[in-house]
C-alpha cells in the first residue's frame, strides 16, 4: 500500500505544474493509516527524494536545462531555514486544527489549479515530469546588468526571501512542497517562462522538503525509515512513469481532474477527522 501511495504521489507530482505534492498528506492519512504528524514527515521525505531525482534528471540531461540557479537558491535557502519553524508550529497545534487548516489550503490550491487551467491552457502542458531542455532564456530575470549577470537588488531579493520564508513555513507545517507558491512567485517577479518556473521549482522543493524532513527526524520521537523508503521508492517510479507519458496526457482536462480530485480528497480527510 505504501509503495502504491508513493507511486501515486510521484505520478501526480510529476503531472502537475504546481500543487501536486499537496496530495501526499491526505493519501498517507486516508490510505496509509498515519497520524498527521507522521504523514507530514513522510510526505516531506518522499517529496524531497522524488523532486531531487527529477532535478538530477534535468541536470544530467543531454541539453542544458532551464533552471534559474540564483533566484532558485535564494528561495530554497530561505525556505530551508523556515521549514523547521513550520514543523515546530505543527507540533503545537491539535490534529483537528492542523487537518482543518490543511484542508482549507488544499481547497485554495485546487481552485487555483482550476482557474489557471481555465485562463492559461498552455501552462497546463508544462509539468514537472516534462523535458525542460532547450527552453529559450527570457530577456531578463528581475534585472540583469549589461554583462548579463543577475543583479541582487534589494526589491527583487527581498521578494524572493520573503516568498521563500513563507513557502518554508507552509512546507514544514503541512508537509507540502510549496510549488503552488514558488511557480507564481517566479512568474510575478520576472519575465521567466512557465517551463523555467516549473523546472526551478523542482530544485527549491527538493531543498526545502529535505530541511523539513530533517527537522521532523530531530523533533519526532519515532522514526519510520521503512515507510519512507517504500513511499519514496514509489514516488521515484511514479515520476519516471510521468516522464514517459507527460507529453501525451498533460492538458487542461488533466489539471481540472486533479483539482476536483484534490477537493474531494480534502473533504473526505476533514470529514473523517470530524
Protein backbone atom coordinates (compact mmCIF):
# COMPACT_ATOMS: atom_id res chain seq x y z
CA UNK A 1 0.00 0.00 0.00
CA UNK A 2 2.78 2.45 0.90
CA UNK A 3 4.58 1.71 -2.37
CA UNK A 4 1.33 2.31 -4.26
CA UNK A 5 0.73 5.57 -2.37
CA UNK A 6 4.25 6.70 -3.26
CA UNK A 7 3.74 5.79 -6.91
CA UNK A 8 0.53 7.83 -6.99
CA UNK A 9 2.22 10.77 -5.25
CA UNK A 10 5.14 10.72 -7.71
CA UNK A 11 2.81 10.49 -10.70
CA UNK A 12 0.62 13.37 -9.51
CA UNK A 13 3.66 15.45 -8.56
CA UNK A 14 5.17 14.89 -12.00
CA UNK A 15 1.99 15.58 -13.95
CA UNK A 16 1.17 18.92 -12.30
CA UNK A 17 2.86 22.23 -12.87
CA UNK A 18 2.33 23.33 -9.25
CA UNK A 19 0.49 21.94 -6.25
CA UNK A 20 0.98 18.22 -6.85
CA UNK A 21 2.68 17.41 -3.55
CA UNK A 22 -0.39 18.54 -1.59
CA UNK A 23 -1.93 15.15 -2.45
CA UNK A 24 0.73 13.36 -0.40
CA UNK A 25 -0.56 14.08 3.12
CA UNK A 26 -4.24 13.14 2.60
CA UNK A 27 -3.24 9.95 0.77
CA UNK A 28 -0.98 8.96 3.66
CA UNK A 29 -3.75 9.81 6.13
CA UNK A 30 -6.55 8.01 4.32
CA UNK A 31 -4.75 5.02 2.81
CA UNK A 32 -1.62 4.76 4.93
CA UNK A 33 -3.34 4.99 8.30
CA UNK A 34 -0.83 7.52 9.63
CA UNK A 35 -1.23 10.35 12.10
CA UNK A 36 -0.99 13.92 10.78
CA UNK A 37 2.49 14.32 12.30
CA UNK A 38 3.82 11.16 10.67
CA UNK A 39 2.06 11.91 7.37
CA UNK A 40 3.64 15.37 7.08
CA UNK A 41 7.09 13.97 7.91
CA UNK A 42 6.89 11.06 5.46
CA UNK A 43 5.41 13.39 2.84
CA UNK A 44 8.35 15.80 3.16
CA UNK A 45 10.87 12.97 2.85
CA UNK A 46 9.16 11.35 -0.12
CA UNK A 47 8.65 14.65 -1.95
CA UNK A 48 12.30 15.57 -1.30
CA UNK A 49 13.57 12.30 -2.81
CA UNK A 50 11.19 12.46 -5.78
CA UNK A 51 11.94 16.07 -6.70
CA UNK A 52 15.66 15.53 -6.14
CA UNK A 53 15.55 12.71 -8.68
CA UNK A 54 13.71 14.95 -11.15
CA UNK A 55 16.23 17.78 -10.58
CA UNK A 56 19.18 15.46 -11.19
CA UNK A 57 17.47 14.09 -14.28
CA UNK A 58 17.30 17.62 -15.66
CA UNK A 59 20.84 18.43 -14.54
CA UNK A 60 22.41 15.49 -16.38
CA UNK A 61 20.22 15.56 -19.47
CA UNK A 62 21.99 15.94 -22.81
CA UNK A 63 20.86 19.51 -23.22
CA UNK A 64 21.22 22.31 -20.69
CA UNK A 65 18.06 22.54 -18.53
CA UNK A 66 16.49 25.91 -17.84
CA UNK A 67 16.97 26.02 -14.07
CA UNK A 68 17.20 29.56 -12.68
CA UNK A 69 20.00 28.91 -10.21
CA UNK A 70 20.46 32.22 -8.38
CA UNK A 71 16.82 33.04 -7.59
CA UNK A 72 16.19 29.33 -7.04
CA UNK A 73 18.91 29.08 -4.41
CA UNK A 74 17.74 32.28 -2.67
CA UNK A 75 14.22 30.86 -2.42
CA UNK A 76 15.48 27.42 -1.41
CA UNK A 77 17.86 28.59 1.32
CA UNK A 78 15.35 30.96 2.92
CA UNK A 79 12.68 28.25 2.75
CA UNK A 80 15.05 25.64 4.20
CA UNK A 81 15.69 27.94 7.16
CA UNK A 82 12.00 28.46 7.92
CA UNK A 83 10.77 24.88 7.28
CA UNK A 84 11.81 23.69 10.79
CA UNK A 85 9.78 26.59 12.22
CA UNK A 86 6.72 25.32 10.36
CA UNK A 87 7.33 21.79 11.63
CA UNK A 88 7.60 23.08 15.20
CA UNK A 89 4.39 25.11 14.82
CA UNK A 90 2.59 22.00 13.59
CA UNK A 91 3.58 20.15 16.74
CA UNK A 92 1.97 22.89 18.86
CA UNK A 93 -1.41 22.55 17.09
CA UNK A 94 -4.08 19.95 17.70
CA UNK A 95 -4.59 17.40 14.93
CA UNK A 96 -8.10 18.74 14.26
CA UNK A 97 -6.84 22.29 13.71
CA UNK A 98 -3.92 21.08 11.61
CA UNK A 99 -6.08 18.92 9.34
CA UNK A 100 -8.72 21.65 9.07
CA UNK A 101 -6.08 24.20 8.08
CA UNK A 102 -4.57 21.76 5.61
CA UNK A 103 -7.98 21.10 4.05
CA UNK A 104 -8.52 24.84 3.60
CA UNK A 105 -5.10 25.14 1.93
CA UNK A 106 -5.94 22.19 -0.34
CA UNK A 107 -9.18 23.88 -1.41
CA UNK A 108 -7.32 27.10 -2.26
CA UNK A 109 -4.73 25.17 -4.30
CA UNK A 110 -7.43 23.17 -6.10
CA UNK A 111 -9.33 26.33 -7.05
CA UNK A 112 -6.12 27.94 -8.26
CA UNK A 113 -5.30 24.87 -10.40
CA UNK A 114 -8.77 25.00 -11.97
CA UNK A 115 -8.70 28.76 -12.65
CA UNK A 116 -5.16 28.63 -14.05
CA UNK A 117 -6.06 25.76 -16.38
CA UNK A 118 -9.14 27.71 -17.50
CA UNK A 119 -7.38 31.04 -18.09
CA UNK A 120 -4.00 29.80 -19.29
CA UNK A 121 -4.45 26.46 -21.10
CA UNK A 122 -0.87 26.45 -22.44
CA UNK A 123 0.54 26.28 -18.90
CA UNK A 124 -1.33 23.04 -18.24
CA UNK A 125 1.06 21.27 -20.61
CA UNK A 126 4.11 22.37 -18.61
CA UNK A 127 4.55 19.72 -15.92
CA UNK A 128 7.42 18.63 -13.67
CA UNK A 129 7.87 15.32 -15.47
CA UNK A 130 8.32 17.11 -18.78
CA UNK A 131 11.57 17.83 -20.60
CA UNK A 132 12.74 21.38 -19.86
CA UNK A 133 15.78 21.35 -22.11
CA UNK A 134 16.21 23.88 -24.91
CA UNK A 135 13.77 26.39 -23.41
CA UNK A 136 14.64 29.89 -24.64
CA UNK A 137 16.05 32.18 -21.97
CA UNK A 138 13.95 35.23 -21.05
CA UNK A 139 15.07 38.77 -21.72
CA UNK A 140 15.58 39.44 -18.02
CA UNK A 141 15.14 37.99 -14.55
CA UNK A 142 14.21 40.83 -12.20
CA UNK A 143 17.12 42.94 -13.50
CA UNK A 144 20.26 41.99 -15.43
CA UNK A 145 23.34 44.16 -15.71
CA UNK A 146 24.96 44.91 -19.11
CA UNK A 147 27.16 41.80 -18.80
CA UNK A 148 24.10 39.58 -18.42
CA UNK A 149 24.64 38.82 -14.73
CA UNK A 150 21.78 38.69 -12.26
CA UNK A 151 21.65 41.85 -10.14
CA UNK A 152 20.95 41.25 -6.45
CA UNK A 153 18.93 44.41 -5.96
CA UNK A 154 17.02 44.83 -2.67
CA UNK A 155 13.49 44.80 -4.09
CA UNK A 156 13.95 41.59 -6.08
CA UNK A 157 15.97 39.75 -3.44
CA UNK A 158 13.59 40.75 -0.63
CA UNK A 159 10.68 39.38 -2.64
CA UNK A 160 12.50 36.07 -3.12
CA UNK A 161 13.50 35.90 0.56
CA UNK A 162 10.01 36.64 1.88
CA UNK A 163 8.47 34.18 -0.56
CA UNK A 164 10.98 31.51 0.46
CA UNK A 165 10.30 32.04 4.16
CA UNK A 166 6.54 31.68 3.63
CA UNK A 167 6.95 28.57 1.50
CA UNK A 168 9.27 27.04 4.09
CA UNK A 169 6.83 27.56 6.96
CA UNK A 170 3.93 26.08 4.97
CA UNK A 171 6.10 23.18 3.86
CA UNK A 172 7.13 22.27 7.41
CA UNK A 173 3.63 22.86 8.78
CA UNK A 174 1.64 20.87 6.22
CA UNK A 175 4.21 18.60 4.55
CA UNK A 176 3.75 20.18 1.12
CA UNK A 177 6.41 21.09 -1.41
CA UNK A 178 5.29 24.68 -1.99
CA UNK A 179 5.23 24.69 -5.78
CA UNK A 180 1.81 26.34 -5.67
CA UNK A 181 3.57 29.47 -4.33
CA UNK A 182 7.02 29.09 -5.89
CA UNK A 183 5.84 28.97 -9.50
CA UNK A 184 3.55 32.06 -9.40
CA UNK A 185 6.18 33.93 -7.36
CA UNK A 186 8.87 33.36 -10.00
CA UNK A 187 6.43 34.30 -12.75
CA UNK A 188 5.39 37.51 -11.00
CA UNK A 189 8.93 38.68 -10.15
CA UNK A 190 10.44 38.14 -13.57
CA UNK A 191 9.88 37.55 -17.24
CA UNK A 192 10.65 33.83 -16.99
CA UNK A 193 8.73 31.22 -18.92
CA UNK A 194 6.33 28.77 -17.28
CA UNK A 195 8.75 25.94 -18.12
CA UNK A 196 11.61 27.68 -16.33
CA UNK A 197 9.49 28.39 -13.25
CA UNK A 198 8.31 24.78 -13.02
CA UNK A 199 11.80 23.40 -13.64
CA UNK A 200 13.32 25.67 -10.98
CA UNK A 201 10.59 24.72 -8.52
CA UNK A 202 11.95 21.15 -8.51
CA UNK A 203 15.27 22.28 -7.04
CA UNK A 204 13.60 24.55 -4.49
CA UNK A 205 11.07 21.92 -3.37
CA UNK A 206 13.83 19.30 -3.01
CA UNK A 207 15.90 21.51 -0.68
CA UNK A 208 13.00 22.88 1.38
CA UNK A 209 11.39 19.44 1.78
CA UNK A 210 14.75 17.99 2.83
CA UNK A 211 15.08 20.63 5.54
CA UNK A 212 11.54 19.96 6.75
CA UNK A 213 12.15 16.21 6.82
CA UNK A 214 15.39 16.61 8.78
CA UNK A 215 13.54 18.74 11.34
CA UNK A 216 10.87 16.00 11.51
CA UNK A 217 13.56 13.45 12.33
CA UNK A 218 15.00 15.68 15.05
CA UNK A 219 11.66 16.55 16.63
CA UNK A 220 9.85 13.22 16.27
CA UNK A 221 10.16 10.51 18.90
CA UNK A 222 9.71 7.66 16.43
CA UNK A 223 11.47 7.06 13.11
CA UNK A 224 9.75 5.42 10.16
CA UNK A 225 12.58 4.69 7.74
CA UNK A 226 10.90 1.63 6.24
CA UNK A 227 7.75 3.60 5.49
CA UNK A 228 9.75 6.44 3.99
CA UNK A 229 11.77 4.10 1.75
CA UNK A 230 8.61 2.48 0.39
CA UNK A 231 6.82 5.78 -0.26
CA UNK A 232 9.96 7.43 -1.71
CA UNK A 233 10.67 4.45 -3.99
CA UNK A 234 7.11 4.59 -5.27
CA UNK A 235 7.45 8.35 -5.76
CA UNK A 236 10.51 8.00 -7.99
CA UNK A 237 8.81 5.26 -10.02
CA UNK A 238 5.76 7.48 -10.39
CA UNK A 239 7.91 10.38 -11.57
CA UNK A 240 9.61 8.11 -14.13
CA UNK A 241 6.20 6.98 -15.43
CA UNK A 242 5.10 10.62 -15.58
CA UNK A 243 8.20 11.43 -17.60
CA UNK A 244 7.20 8.76 -20.10
CA UNK A 245 3.57 9.78 -20.55
CA UNK A 246 3.53 13.51 -19.73
CA UNK A 247 3.82 14.68 -23.34
CA UNK A 248 0.75 12.62 -24.23
CA UNK A 249 -1.67 13.38 -21.40
CA UNK A 250 -0.65 16.71 -19.85
CA UNK A 251 -3.50 19.04 -20.73
CA UNK A 252 -6.24 21.28 -19.35
CA UNK A 253 -8.61 18.39 -18.66
CA UNK A 254 -5.99 16.56 -16.59
CA UNK A 255 -5.30 19.66 -14.48
CA UNK A 256 -9.03 20.09 -13.85
CA UNK A 257 -9.36 16.42 -12.88
CA UNK A 258 -6.52 16.89 -10.39
CA UNK A 259 -8.22 19.99 -8.99
CA UNK A 260 -11.56 18.21 -8.48
CA UNK A 261 -9.80 15.15 -7.03
CA UNK A 262 -7.95 17.34 -4.55
CA UNK A 263 -11.21 18.93 -3.42
CA UNK A 264 -12.77 15.50 -2.89
CA UNK A 265 -9.74 14.12 -1.02
CA UNK A 266 -9.53 17.21 1.21
CA UNK A 267 -13.25 16.97 2.02
CA UNK A 268 -13.02 13.26 2.87
CA UNK A 269 -9.97 13.86 5.05
CA UNK A 270 -11.73 16.61 7.00
CA UNK A 271 -14.99 14.68 7.41
CA UNK A 272 -13.15 11.62 8.72
CA UNK A 273 -11.33 13.74 11.28
CA UNK A 274 -14.56 15.37 12.44
